[in-house]
């Protein structure tokens, strides 16, 4: 499985990691091994043409300014290994 994501800055990475630790302590929720790096996802797929995609994403990353995002609660991706996540509100900058 591959994904196109943005990593969080250091301050927000630390906040998410503290939240993960508290959830493990209070509710027994394990380490999110599949998403062990705090991020938000734009797109996830089984496969991408990585050779084509790499250049496109490198150019996009160089040309895109840092922008704020707004979290909007808590949700779950159900499945054999359900994933709890924080939804991100769509904004003009994100679009």
C-alpha atoms as a PDB file:
ATOM      1  CA  UNK A   1       0.000   0.000   0.000  1.00  0.00           C
ATOM      2  CA  UNK A   2       1.325   3.430  -0.925  1.00  0.00           C
ATOM      3  CA  UNK A   3       0.135   6.897   0.011  1.00  0.00           C
ATOM      4  CA  UNK A   4       0.665  10.510  -0.918  1.00  0.00           C
ATOM      5  CA  UNK A   5       0.940  12.359   2.403  1.00  0.00           C
ATOM      6  CA  UNK A   6       2.206  15.464   4.157  1.00  0.00           C
ATOM      7  CA  UNK A   7       4.214  15.060   7.341  1.00  0.00           C
ATOM      8  CA  UNK A   8       3.390  17.276  10.292  1.00  0.00           C
ATOM      9  CA  UNK A   9       5.802  19.838  11.692  1.00  0.00           C
ATOM     10  CA  UNK A  10       7.752  18.946  14.850  1.00  0.00           C
ATOM     11  CA  UNK A  11       5.305  20.636  17.243  1.00  0.00           C
ATOM     12  CA  UNK A  12       2.262  18.805  15.891  1.00  0.00           C
ATOM     13  CA  UNK A  13       4.125  15.508  15.490  1.00  0.00           C
ATOM     14  CA  UNK A  14       4.900  15.651  19.209  1.00  0.00           C
ATOM     15  CA  UNK A  15       1.233  16.347  20.039  1.00  0.00           C
ATOM     16  CA  UNK A  16       0.026  13.381  17.973  1.00  0.00           C
ATOM     17  CA  UNK A  17       2.640  11.075  19.513  1.00  0.00           C
ATOM     18  CA  UNK A  18       1.505  12.146  23.004  1.00  0.00           C
ATOM     19  CA  UNK A  19      -2.104  11.441  22.005  1.00  0.00           C
ATOM     20  CA  UNK A  20      -1.104   7.961  20.760  1.00  0.00           C
ATOM     21  CA  UNK A  21       0.681   7.253  24.058  1.00  0.00           C
ATOM     22  CA  UNK A  22      -2.313   8.397  26.101  1.00  0.00           C
ATOM     23  CA  UNK A  23      -4.707   6.291  24.010  1.00  0.00           C
ATOM     24  CA  UNK A  24      -2.494   3.236  24.534  1.00  0.00           C
ATOM     25  CA  UNK A  25      -2.365   3.861  28.279  1.00  0.00           C
ATOM     26  CA  UNK A  26      -6.068   4.640  28.789  1.00  0.00           C
ATOM     27  CA  UNK A  27      -7.753   2.429  26.187  1.00  0.00           C
ATOM     28  CA  UNK A  28      -5.209  -0.254  25.247  1.00  0.00           C
ATOM     29  CA  UNK A  29      -5.032   0.971  21.670  1.00  0.00           C
ATOM     30  CA  UNK A  30      -1.761  -0.314  20.212  1.00  0.00           C
ATOM     31  CA  UNK A  31       0.952   1.455  18.279  1.00  0.00           C
ATOM     32  CA  UNK A  32      -0.350   2.535  14.854  1.00  0.00           C
ATOM     33  CA  UNK A  33       2.340   0.528  13.015  1.00  0.00           C
ATOM     34  CA  UNK A  34       0.888   1.238   9.556  1.00  0.00           C
ATOM     35  CA  UNK A  35       0.938   4.977  10.228  1.00  0.00           C
ATOM     36  CA  UNK A  36       3.770   5.294  12.723  1.00  0.00           C
ATOM     37  CA  UNK A  37       4.649   8.763  11.399  1.00  0.00           C
ATOM     38  CA  UNK A  38       2.059  11.483  12.080  1.00  0.00           C
ATOM     39  CA  UNK A  39       0.782  12.758   8.732  1.00  0.00           C
ATOM     40  CA  UNK A  40      -2.289  13.502   6.702  1.00  0.00           C
ATOM     41  CA  UNK A  41      -3.107  11.628   3.541  1.00  0.00           C
ATOM     42  CA  UNK A  42      -4.144  12.998   0.171  1.00  0.00           C
ATOM     43  CA  UNK A  43      -4.500   9.660  -1.582  1.00  0.00           C
ATOM     44  CA  UNK A  44      -3.780   5.978  -0.880  1.00  0.00           C
ATOM     45  CA  UNK A  45      -3.568   3.165  -3.427  1.00  0.00           C
ATOM     46  CA  UNK A  46      -2.301  -0.378  -3.748  1.00  0.00           C
ATOM     47  CA  UNK A  47       0.207   0.701  -6.400  1.00  0.00           C
ATOM     48  CA  UNK A  48       1.468   3.810  -8.158  1.00  0.00           C
ATOM     49  CA  UNK A  49       3.809   4.278 -11.101  1.00  0.00           C
ATOM     50  CA  UNK A  50       6.535   5.423  -8.703  1.00  0.00           C
ATOM     51  CA  UNK A  51       8.962   6.467 -11.450  1.00  0.00           C
ATOM     52  CA  UNK A  52       6.416   8.887 -12.958  1.00  0.00           C
ATOM     53  CA  UNK A  53       5.006  10.025  -9.644  1.00  0.00           C
ATOM     54  CA  UNK A  54       8.326  10.899  -7.978  1.00  0.00           C
ATOM     55  CA  UNK A  55       9.126  13.789 -10.329  1.00  0.00           C
ATOM     56  CA  UNK A  56       5.594  15.162 -10.202  1.00  0.00           C
ATOM     57  CA  UNK A  57       5.520  15.126  -6.386  1.00  0.00           C
ATOM     58  CA  UNK A  58       9.008  16.644  -6.103  1.00  0.00           C
ATOM     59  CA  UNK A  59       7.935  19.557  -8.327  1.00  0.00           C
ATOM     60  CA  UNK A  60       4.661  19.990  -6.450  1.00  0.00           C
ATOM     61  CA  UNK A  61       6.451  20.014  -3.085  1.00  0.00           C
ATOM     62  CA  UNK A  62       8.905  22.684  -4.285  1.00  0.00           C
ATOM     63  CA  UNK A  63       6.114  24.893  -5.667  1.00  0.00           C
ATOM     64  CA  UNK A  64       3.632  24.593  -2.777  1.00  0.00           C
ATOM     65  CA  UNK A  65       3.898  26.902   0.214  1.00  0.00           C
ATOM     66  CA  UNK A  66       3.291  25.639   3.747  1.00  0.00           C
ATOM     67  CA  UNK A  67      -0.397  25.946   4.659  1.00  0.00           C
ATOM     68  CA  UNK A  68      -2.479  25.406   7.802  1.00  0.00           C
ATOM     69  CA  UNK A  69      -5.047  22.640   8.159  1.00  0.00           C
ATOM     70  CA  UNK A  70      -8.018  22.318  10.502  1.00  0.00           C
ATOM     71  CA  UNK A  71      -8.880  19.034  12.235  1.00  0.00           C
ATOM     72  CA  UNK A  72     -12.577  18.236  12.606  1.00  0.00           C
ATOM     73  CA  UNK A  73     -13.096  15.545  15.251  1.00  0.00           C
ATOM     74  CA  UNK A  74     -12.327  11.833  15.319  1.00  0.00           C
ATOM     75  CA  UNK A  75     -13.332   8.973  13.016  1.00  0.00           C
ATOM     76  CA  UNK A  76     -12.498   5.350  12.199  1.00  0.00           C
ATOM     77  CA  UNK A  77     -11.573   3.368   9.101  1.00  0.00           C
ATOM     78  CA  UNK A  78     -13.244   0.014   9.911  1.00  0.00           C
ATOM     79  CA  UNK A  79     -11.599  -3.251   8.955  1.00  0.00           C
ATOM     80  CA  UNK A  80      -9.583  -6.206  10.201  1.00  0.00           C
ATOM     81  CA  UNK A  81      -7.210  -3.663  11.734  1.00  0.00           C
ATOM     82  CA  UNK A  82      -9.360  -0.569  12.217  1.00  0.00           C
ATOM     83  CA  UNK A  83      -7.633   2.807  12.160  1.00  0.00           C
ATOM     84  CA  UNK A  84      -8.680   5.759  14.305  1.00  0.00           C
ATOM     85  CA  UNK A  85      -7.942   9.074  12.612  1.00  0.00           C
ATOM     86  CA  UNK A  86      -8.590  12.779  12.867  1.00  0.00           C
ATOM     87  CA  UNK A  87     -10.428  14.085   9.784  1.00  0.00           C
ATOM     88  CA  UNK A  88      -9.032  17.174   8.075  1.00  0.00           C
ATOM     89  CA  UNK A  89     -11.470  19.822   6.867  1.00  0.00           C
ATOM     90  CA  UNK A  90     -11.220  20.715   3.203  1.00  0.00           C
ATOM     91  CA  UNK A  91      -9.988  24.237   2.583  1.00  0.00           C
ATOM     92  CA  UNK A  92      -9.001  26.278  -0.453  1.00  0.00           C
ATOM     93  CA  UNK A  93      -5.301  25.833   0.387  1.00  0.00           C
ATOM     94  CA  UNK A  94      -5.735  22.071   0.775  1.00  0.00           C
ATOM     95  CA  UNK A  95      -7.684  21.759  -2.450  1.00  0.00           C
END
